[in-house]
């Protein structure tokens, strides 16, 4: 089970393990494993708000999404096994797209290992085309926004 805590400013923080098999030949976290940590953190966050997988099956239609863009900037390598933290938040939520921001850092927050963003587009499984997020997903993810949505009153 992934440990999730609210970030004091915005989003959530997941603490995840780095295993020996995640390290490269130099004893550092392999570059591809950073995004795996971000994916695991995102899966835990979505499961917490009722969007996830159960017994290998998708539990909500908004879980059909494709990655449109991924940007990661590596700052300082993870040099051992043990826990690392992933700070995850929503930067924007459009009609059919969602842009996650992330920071992989030491558990105490002192060292940033990598940071970036990941944009996904909701896909209609029948047509393969983009589709709007449901009101349920919009309501469930509001608390993860970095900037509160503007009032439209």
N, C-alpha and C. Protein backbone atom coordinates (compact mmCIF):
# COMPACT_ATOMS: atom_id res chain seq x y z
N UNK A 1 0.84 -1.18 0.00
CA UNK A 1 0.00 0.00 0.00
C UNK A 1 0.89 1.24 0.00
N UNK A 2 0.58 2.17 -0.87
CA UNK A 2 1.32 3.41 -0.96
C UNK A 2 0.83 4.40 0.09
N UNK A 3 1.77 5.00 0.79
CA UNK A 3 1.42 6.00 1.81
C UNK A 3 1.17 7.33 1.11
N UNK A 4 -0.03 7.89 1.30
CA UNK A 4 -0.39 9.18 0.71
C UNK A 4 -0.66 10.19 1.81
N UNK A 5 -0.11 11.39 1.64
CA UNK A 5 -0.40 12.48 2.58
C UNK A 5 -0.67 13.74 1.77
N UNK A 6 -1.45 14.62 2.36
CA UNK A 6 -1.73 15.90 1.71
C UNK A 6 -0.46 16.75 1.74
N UNK A 7 -0.16 17.40 0.63
CA UNK A 7 0.95 18.35 0.61
C UNK A 7 0.47 19.61 1.32
N UNK A 8 1.32 20.30 2.09
CA UNK A 8 0.83 21.47 2.82
C UNK A 8 0.34 22.61 1.94
N UNK A 9 0.79 22.69 0.68
CA UNK A 9 0.36 23.77 -0.19
C UNK A 9 -0.65 23.32 -1.25
N UNK A 10 -0.40 22.19 -1.91
CA UNK A 10 -1.28 21.70 -2.97
C UNK A 10 -0.91 20.26 -3.33
N UNK A 11 -1.89 19.51 -3.79
CA UNK A 11 -1.64 18.14 -4.23
C UNK A 11 -1.42 17.17 -3.08
N UNK A 12 -0.81 16.05 -3.43
CA UNK A 12 -0.53 14.99 -2.45
C UNK A 12 0.91 14.51 -2.62
N UNK A 13 1.38 13.82 -1.60
CA UNK A 13 2.71 13.22 -1.63
C UNK A 13 2.55 11.74 -1.37
N UNK A 14 3.15 10.94 -2.24
CA UNK A 14 3.18 9.49 -2.08
C UNK A 14 4.61 9.07 -1.75
N UNK A 15 4.76 8.23 -0.76
CA UNK A 15 6.07 7.68 -0.43
C UNK A 15 6.12 6.27 -0.99
N UNK A 16 7.12 6.02 -1.83
CA UNK A 16 7.24 4.76 -2.55
C UNK A 16 8.64 4.19 -2.38
N UNK A 17 8.78 2.86 -2.47
CA UNK A 17 10.10 2.26 -2.32
C UNK A 17 10.88 2.22 -3.64
N UNK A 18 12.18 2.38 -3.53
CA UNK A 18 13.10 2.09 -4.63
C UNK A 18 13.75 0.76 -4.28
N UNK A 19 13.66 -0.20 -5.19
CA UNK A 19 14.21 -1.54 -4.97
C UNK A 19 15.54 -1.69 -5.70
N UNK A 20 16.31 -2.69 -5.31
CA UNK A 20 17.61 -2.96 -5.93
C UNK A 20 17.47 -3.11 -7.45
N UNK A 21 16.42 -3.78 -7.91
CA UNK A 21 16.21 -3.99 -9.35
C UNK A 21 15.88 -2.71 -10.11
N UNK A 22 15.60 -1.61 -9.39
CA UNK A 22 15.32 -0.32 -10.03
C UNK A 22 16.60 0.45 -10.35
N UNK A 23 17.73 -0.01 -9.81
CA UNK A 23 18.99 0.70 -9.98
C UNK A 23 19.70 0.27 -11.25
N UNK A 24 20.48 1.18 -11.83
CA UNK A 24 21.25 0.86 -13.02
C UNK A 24 22.62 0.32 -12.62
N UNK A 25 23.49 0.13 -13.60
CA UNK A 25 24.81 -0.44 -13.34
C UNK A 25 25.68 0.45 -12.46
N UNK A 26 25.36 1.73 -12.38
CA UNK A 26 26.12 2.65 -11.53
C UNK A 26 25.53 2.77 -10.13
N UNK A 27 24.48 2.00 -9.84
CA UNK A 27 23.87 2.04 -8.52
C UNK A 27 22.94 3.21 -8.32
N UNK A 28 22.47 3.81 -9.42
CA UNK A 28 21.53 4.93 -9.36
C UNK A 28 20.19 4.48 -9.91
N UNK A 29 19.12 5.16 -9.51
CA UNK A 29 17.80 4.85 -10.04
C UNK A 29 17.83 5.03 -11.56
N UNK A 30 17.45 3.99 -12.28
CA UNK A 30 17.44 4.04 -13.75
C UNK A 30 16.49 5.14 -14.21
N UNK A 31 16.86 5.88 -15.25
CA UNK A 31 16.05 7.02 -15.67
C UNK A 31 14.60 6.66 -15.96
N UNK A 32 14.32 5.49 -16.50
CA UNK A 32 12.95 5.10 -16.82
C UNK A 32 12.13 4.81 -15.56
N UNK A 33 12.79 4.53 -14.46
CA UNK A 33 12.07 4.20 -13.22
C UNK A 33 11.43 5.41 -12.56
N UNK A 34 11.93 6.59 -12.87
CA UNK A 34 11.33 7.79 -12.28
C UNK A 34 9.87 7.90 -12.70
N UNK A 35 9.59 7.72 -13.97
CA UNK A 35 8.21 7.84 -14.43
C UNK A 35 7.37 6.69 -13.89
N UNK A 36 7.99 5.52 -13.66
CA UNK A 36 7.25 4.44 -13.01
C UNK A 36 6.79 4.85 -11.62
N UNK A 37 7.64 5.55 -10.89
CA UNK A 37 7.26 6.04 -9.56
C UNK A 37 6.11 7.04 -9.67
N UNK A 38 6.18 7.92 -10.66
CA UNK A 38 5.09 8.89 -10.87
C UNK A 38 3.79 8.16 -11.21
N UNK A 39 3.86 7.15 -12.06
CA UNK A 39 2.67 6.36 -12.42
C UNK A 39 2.08 5.67 -11.18
N UNK A 40 2.94 5.09 -10.35
CA UNK A 40 2.45 4.42 -9.14
C UNK A 40 1.79 5.42 -8.19
N UNK A 41 2.37 6.59 -8.06
CA UNK A 41 1.78 7.63 -7.21
C UNK A 41 0.43 8.05 -7.76
N UNK A 42 0.35 8.25 -9.08
CA UNK A 42 -0.91 8.63 -9.71
C UNK A 42 -1.98 7.58 -9.55
N UNK A 43 -1.61 6.33 -9.68
CA UNK A 43 -2.56 5.24 -9.50
C UNK A 43 -3.13 5.24 -8.08
N UNK A 44 -2.26 5.47 -7.09
CA UNK A 44 -2.72 5.51 -5.69
C UNK A 44 -3.66 6.68 -5.45
N UNK A 45 -3.33 7.83 -6.04
CA UNK A 45 -4.17 9.02 -5.89
C UNK A 45 -5.54 8.78 -6.50
N UNK A 46 -5.57 8.26 -7.72
CA UNK A 46 -6.85 8.02 -8.39
C UNK A 46 -7.68 6.96 -7.66
N UNK A 47 -7.03 5.93 -7.15
CA UNK A 47 -7.75 4.90 -6.39
C UNK A 47 -8.39 5.51 -5.14
N UNK A 48 -7.70 6.45 -4.53
CA UNK A 48 -8.23 7.09 -3.32
C UNK A 48 -9.52 7.85 -3.59
N UNK A 49 -9.67 8.39 -4.81
CA UNK A 49 -10.89 9.13 -5.14
C UNK A 49 -11.88 8.26 -5.92
N UNK A 50 -11.65 6.94 -5.93
CA UNK A 50 -12.60 6.01 -6.53
C UNK A 50 -12.39 5.74 -8.01
N UNK A 51 -11.27 6.17 -8.55
CA UNK A 51 -10.95 5.90 -9.96
C UNK A 51 -9.74 4.97 -9.99
N UNK A 52 -9.95 3.76 -10.43
CA UNK A 52 -8.81 2.86 -10.42
C UNK A 52 -9.10 1.56 -11.11
N UNK A 53 -8.38 0.56 -10.66
CA UNK A 53 -8.49 -0.79 -11.21
C UNK A 53 -8.85 -1.73 -10.08
N UNK A 54 -9.68 -2.71 -10.36
CA UNK A 54 -10.04 -3.72 -9.38
C UNK A 54 -10.04 -5.06 -10.09
N UNK A 55 -9.28 -5.99 -9.56
CA UNK A 55 -9.17 -7.32 -10.14
C UNK A 55 -8.78 -7.25 -11.62
N UNK A 56 -7.88 -6.31 -11.94
CA UNK A 56 -7.38 -6.18 -13.31
C UNK A 56 -8.32 -5.48 -14.27
N UNK A 57 -9.45 -4.98 -13.77
CA UNK A 57 -10.43 -4.32 -14.65
C UNK A 57 -10.52 -2.84 -14.30
N UNK A 58 -10.78 -2.02 -15.30
CA UNK A 58 -10.97 -0.59 -15.10
C UNK A 58 -12.31 -0.40 -14.40
N UNK A 59 -12.31 0.44 -13.35
CA UNK A 59 -13.51 0.61 -12.54
C UNK A 59 -14.33 1.84 -12.91
N UNK A 60 -13.82 2.68 -13.81
CA UNK A 60 -14.52 3.91 -14.16
C UNK A 60 -14.18 4.29 -15.60
N UNK A 61 -15.13 4.80 -16.37
CA UNK A 61 -14.85 5.12 -17.77
C UNK A 61 -13.77 6.20 -17.94
N UNK A 62 -13.55 7.04 -16.95
CA UNK A 62 -12.52 8.07 -17.06
C UNK A 62 -11.10 7.50 -16.93
N UNK A 63 -10.99 6.22 -16.65
CA UNK A 63 -9.68 5.60 -16.58
C UNK A 63 -9.14 5.24 -17.95
N UNK A 64 -9.93 5.39 -19.01
CA UNK A 64 -9.45 5.18 -20.37
C UNK A 64 -8.79 6.47 -20.80
N UNK A 65 -7.48 6.54 -20.73
CA UNK A 65 -6.76 7.76 -21.08
C UNK A 65 -5.43 7.39 -21.73
N UNK A 66 -4.98 8.25 -22.61
CA UNK A 66 -3.71 8.04 -23.30
C UNK A 66 -2.76 9.19 -22.98
N UNK A 67 -1.48 8.88 -22.86
CA UNK A 67 -0.49 9.91 -22.60
C UNK A 67 -0.29 10.72 -23.88
N UNK A 68 -0.42 12.02 -23.74
CA UNK A 68 -0.21 12.93 -24.87
C UNK A 68 1.19 13.55 -24.82
N UNK A 69 1.64 13.83 -23.60
CA UNK A 69 2.95 14.48 -23.44
C UNK A 69 3.56 14.08 -22.11
N UNK A 70 4.87 13.94 -22.11
CA UNK A 70 5.61 13.65 -20.89
C UNK A 70 6.90 14.44 -20.93
N UNK A 71 7.12 15.21 -19.89
CA UNK A 71 8.38 15.96 -19.77
C UNK A 71 8.95 15.68 -18.39
N UNK A 72 10.22 15.31 -18.36
CA UNK A 72 10.89 15.08 -17.08
C UNK A 72 12.28 15.69 -17.13
N UNK A 73 12.64 16.36 -16.08
CA UNK A 73 13.95 16.97 -15.94
C UNK A 73 14.62 16.33 -14.73
N UNK A 74 15.79 15.74 -14.95
CA UNK A 74 16.51 15.06 -13.88
C UNK A 74 17.43 16.05 -13.19
N UNK A 75 17.35 16.12 -11.86
CA UNK A 75 18.12 17.09 -11.10
C UNK A 75 19.30 16.46 -10.35
N UNK A 76 19.02 15.43 -9.57
CA UNK A 76 20.05 14.79 -8.75
C UNK A 76 19.67 13.32 -8.61
N UNK A 77 20.57 12.39 -8.89
CA UNK A 77 20.18 10.97 -8.91
C UNK A 77 19.81 10.41 -7.54
N UNK A 78 18.87 9.47 -7.56
CA UNK A 78 18.60 8.64 -6.38
C UNK A 78 19.71 7.61 -6.38
N UNK A 79 20.47 7.52 -5.31
CA UNK A 79 21.68 6.69 -5.30
C UNK A 79 21.59 5.45 -4.43
N UNK A 80 20.39 5.08 -4.02
CA UNK A 80 20.28 3.89 -3.18
C UNK A 80 18.84 3.39 -3.16
N UNK A 81 18.67 2.24 -2.57
CA UNK A 81 17.32 1.72 -2.34
C UNK A 81 16.72 2.45 -1.14
N UNK A 82 15.43 2.27 -0.96
CA UNK A 82 14.75 2.90 0.17
C UNK A 82 13.64 3.79 -0.32
N UNK A 83 13.00 4.51 0.59
CA UNK A 83 11.84 5.32 0.22
C UNK A 83 12.23 6.63 -0.47
N UNK A 84 11.40 7.02 -1.43
CA UNK A 84 11.44 8.35 -2.04
C UNK A 84 10.02 8.88 -2.05
N UNK A 85 9.89 10.18 -2.21
CA UNK A 85 8.57 10.79 -2.23
C UNK A 85 8.27 11.32 -3.63
N UNK A 86 6.98 11.26 -4.00
CA UNK A 86 6.51 11.84 -5.25
C UNK A 86 5.40 12.82 -4.90
N UNK A 87 5.67 14.09 -5.14
CA UNK A 87 4.65 15.14 -4.97
C UNK A 87 3.92 15.22 -6.30
N UNK A 88 2.61 15.09 -6.26
CA UNK A 88 1.79 15.02 -7.47
C UNK A 88 0.61 15.98 -7.32
N UNK A 89 0.33 16.73 -8.39
CA UNK A 89 -0.78 17.68 -8.38
C UNK A 89 -1.32 17.83 -9.80
N UNK A 90 -2.48 18.44 -9.90
CA UNK A 90 -3.06 18.72 -11.21
C UNK A 90 -2.77 20.17 -11.55
N UNK A 91 -2.12 20.38 -12.69
CA UNK A 91 -1.84 21.74 -13.16
C UNK A 91 -3.02 22.30 -13.94
N UNK A 92 -3.69 21.45 -14.72
CA UNK A 92 -4.86 21.92 -15.46
C UNK A 92 -5.75 20.73 -15.81
N UNK A 93 -7.03 21.01 -15.88
CA UNK A 93 -8.03 20.01 -16.24
C UNK A 93 -8.91 20.64 -17.31
N UNK A 94 -8.75 20.19 -18.55
CA UNK A 94 -9.52 20.72 -19.66
C UNK A 94 -10.75 19.87 -19.91
N UNK A 95 -11.34 20.04 -21.08
CA UNK A 95 -12.52 19.26 -21.43
C UNK A 95 -12.20 17.77 -21.47
N UNK A 96 -11.10 17.42 -22.13
CA UNK A 96 -10.72 16.01 -22.24
C UNK A 96 -9.28 15.75 -21.83
N UNK A 97 -8.53 16.78 -21.46
CA UNK A 97 -7.13 16.58 -21.08
C UNK A 97 -6.91 16.91 -19.61
N UNK A 98 -5.87 16.33 -19.06
CA UNK A 98 -5.49 16.55 -17.67
C UNK A 98 -3.97 16.61 -17.63
N UNK A 99 -3.44 17.66 -17.04
CA UNK A 99 -1.99 17.81 -16.94
C UNK A 99 -1.58 17.70 -15.48
N UNK A 100 -0.82 16.63 -15.19
CA UNK A 100 -0.28 16.40 -13.86
C UNK A 100 1.09 17.07 -13.76
N UNK A 101 1.38 17.71 -12.66
CA UNK A 101 2.73 18.14 -12.34
C UNK A 101 3.28 17.18 -11.31
N UNK A 102 4.60 17.00 -11.30
CA UNK A 102 5.19 16.10 -10.32
C UNK A 102 6.60 16.52 -9.95
N UNK A 103 6.99 16.08 -8.77
CA UNK A 103 8.35 16.27 -8.26
C UNK A 103 8.71 15.01 -7.50
N UNK A 104 9.79 14.36 -7.89
CA UNK A 104 10.33 13.20 -7.17
C UNK A 104 11.44 13.75 -6.27
N UNK A 105 11.30 13.50 -4.97
CA UNK A 105 12.26 14.10 -4.04
C UNK A 105 12.53 13.18 -2.86
N UNK A 106 13.52 13.57 -2.06
CA UNK A 106 13.82 12.81 -0.84
C UNK A 106 12.61 12.92 0.09
N UNK A 107 12.49 11.97 0.99
CA UNK A 107 11.34 11.95 1.90
C UNK A 107 11.26 13.22 2.73
N UNK A 108 12.40 13.78 3.09
CA UNK A 108 12.38 15.02 3.88
C UNK A 108 12.16 16.26 3.01
N UNK A 109 12.12 16.08 1.70
CA UNK A 109 11.86 17.20 0.79
C UNK A 109 13.08 18.03 0.45
N UNK A 110 14.24 17.72 1.01
CA UNK A 110 15.43 18.55 0.83
C UNK A 110 16.08 18.42 -0.54
N UNK A 111 15.95 17.25 -1.17
CA UNK A 111 16.62 17.00 -2.45
C UNK A 111 15.59 16.70 -3.52
N UNK A 112 15.61 17.47 -4.60
CA UNK A 112 14.76 17.19 -5.76
C UNK A 112 15.56 16.30 -6.69
N UNK A 113 14.99 15.13 -6.99
CA UNK A 113 15.65 14.20 -7.91
C UNK A 113 15.20 14.42 -9.35
N UNK A 114 13.93 14.70 -9.54
CA UNK A 114 13.39 14.95 -10.89
C UNK A 114 12.08 15.69 -10.75
N UNK A 115 11.71 16.40 -11.82
CA UNK A 115 10.42 17.09 -11.82
C UNK A 115 9.94 17.20 -13.26
N UNK A 116 8.65 17.42 -13.40
CA UNK A 116 8.11 17.54 -14.74
C UNK A 116 6.60 17.57 -14.76
N UNK A 117 6.07 17.20 -15.91
CA UNK A 117 4.61 17.13 -16.07
C UNK A 117 4.26 16.01 -17.05
N UNK A 118 3.02 15.60 -16.96
CA UNK A 118 2.50 14.51 -17.79
C UNK A 118 1.07 14.86 -18.15
N UNK A 119 0.77 14.91 -19.45
CA UNK A 119 -0.57 15.23 -19.91
C UNK A 119 -1.22 13.97 -20.47
N UNK A 120 -2.45 13.71 -20.02
CA UNK A 120 -3.23 12.59 -20.54
C UNK A 120 -4.52 13.12 -21.16
N UNK A 121 -5.05 12.36 -22.10
CA UNK A 121 -6.31 12.70 -22.75
C UNK A 121 -7.27 11.55 -22.52
N UNK A 122 -8.47 11.86 -22.04
CA UNK A 122 -9.49 10.83 -21.87
C UNK A 122 -9.93 10.35 -23.25
N UNK A 123 -10.07 9.04 -23.37
CA UNK A 123 -10.42 8.41 -24.65
C UNK A 123 -11.72 7.65 -24.50
N UNK A 124 -12.60 7.81 -25.47
CA UNK A 124 -13.82 7.00 -25.53
C UNK A 124 -13.40 5.63 -26.03
N UNK A 125 -13.60 4.56 -25.23
CA UNK A 125 -13.12 3.24 -25.63
C UNK A 125 -13.81 2.70 -26.88
N UNK A 126 -15.00 3.17 -27.18
CA UNK A 126 -15.73 2.69 -28.36
C UNK A 126 -15.22 3.33 -29.65
N UNK A 127 -14.86 4.62 -29.58
CA UNK A 127 -14.47 5.33 -30.80
C UNK A 127 -12.97 5.59 -30.91
N UNK A 128 -12.26 5.54 -29.78
CA UNK A 128 -10.84 5.85 -29.79
C UNK A 128 -10.56 7.35 -29.89
N UNK A 129 -11.58 8.16 -29.80
CA UNK A 129 -11.43 9.62 -29.87
C UNK A 129 -11.50 10.22 -28.46
N UNK A 130 -11.02 11.46 -28.36
CA UNK A 130 -11.08 12.12 -27.06
C UNK A 130 -12.53 12.30 -26.63
N UNK A 131 -12.72 12.32 -25.33
CA UNK A 131 -14.07 12.44 -24.75
C UNK A 131 -13.97 13.30 -23.50
N UNK A 132 -15.04 13.97 -23.11
CA UNK A 132 -14.98 14.83 -21.92
C UNK A 132 -14.93 14.02 -20.62
N UNK A 133 -14.23 14.60 -19.65
CA UNK A 133 -14.21 14.02 -18.31
C UNK A 133 -15.61 14.11 -17.71
N UNK A 134 -15.95 13.19 -16.86
CA UNK A 134 -17.25 13.22 -16.20
C UNK A 134 -17.24 14.26 -15.07
N UNK A 135 -18.42 14.70 -14.70
CA UNK A 135 -18.55 15.62 -13.57
C UNK A 135 -18.02 14.98 -12.29
N UNK A 136 -18.20 13.67 -12.17
CA UNK A 136 -17.72 12.93 -11.01
C UNK A 136 -16.20 13.06 -10.87
N UNK A 137 -15.49 12.91 -11.97
CA UNK A 137 -14.03 13.03 -11.94
C UNK A 137 -13.61 14.46 -11.65
N UNK A 138 -14.29 15.41 -12.24
CA UNK A 138 -13.98 16.82 -11.98
C UNK A 138 -14.13 17.13 -10.49
N UNK A 139 -15.20 16.66 -9.88
CA UNK A 139 -15.43 16.90 -8.45
C UNK A 139 -14.39 16.18 -7.59
N UNK A 140 -14.04 14.96 -7.97
CA UNK A 140 -13.11 14.16 -7.17
C UNK A 140 -11.68 14.70 -7.22
N UNK A 141 -11.33 15.41 -8.28
CA UNK A 141 -9.94 15.87 -8.43
C UNK A 141 -9.75 17.34 -8.09
N UNK A 142 -10.79 18.04 -7.74
CA UNK A 142 -10.69 19.48 -7.45
C UNK A 142 -9.64 19.77 -6.38
N UNK A 143 -9.59 18.97 -5.35
CA UNK A 143 -8.63 19.20 -4.27
C UNK A 143 -7.18 18.97 -4.65
N UNK A 144 -6.93 18.44 -5.83
CA UNK A 144 -5.56 18.19 -6.27
C UNK A 144 -5.00 19.32 -7.13
N UNK A 145 -5.83 20.31 -7.42
CA UNK A 145 -5.40 21.42 -8.29
C UNK A 145 -4.36 22.29 -7.61
N UNK A 146 -3.34 22.68 -8.38
CA UNK A 146 -2.31 23.58 -7.84
C UNK A 146 -2.91 24.96 -7.59
N UNK A 147 -3.67 25.45 -8.53
CA UNK A 147 -4.35 26.72 -8.39
C UNK A 147 -5.84 26.44 -8.36
N UNK A 148 -6.58 26.97 -7.42
CA UNK A 148 -8.03 26.73 -7.39
C UNK A 148 -8.68 27.22 -8.67
N UNK A 149 -9.69 26.49 -9.13
CA UNK A 149 -10.43 26.89 -10.33
C UNK A 149 -11.10 28.23 -10.09
N UNK A 150 -11.11 29.07 -11.10
CA UNK A 150 -11.73 30.40 -10.99
C UNK A 150 -13.23 30.25 -10.88
N UNK A 151 -13.83 31.09 -10.09
CA UNK A 151 -15.28 31.08 -9.92
C UNK A 151 -15.94 31.65 -11.18
N UNK A 152 -17.03 31.04 -11.58
CA UNK A 152 -17.74 31.50 -12.79
C UNK A 152 -19.10 32.05 -12.41
N UNK A 153 -19.20 32.70 -11.27
CA UNK A 153 -20.48 33.23 -10.82
C UNK A 153 -20.79 34.56 -11.46
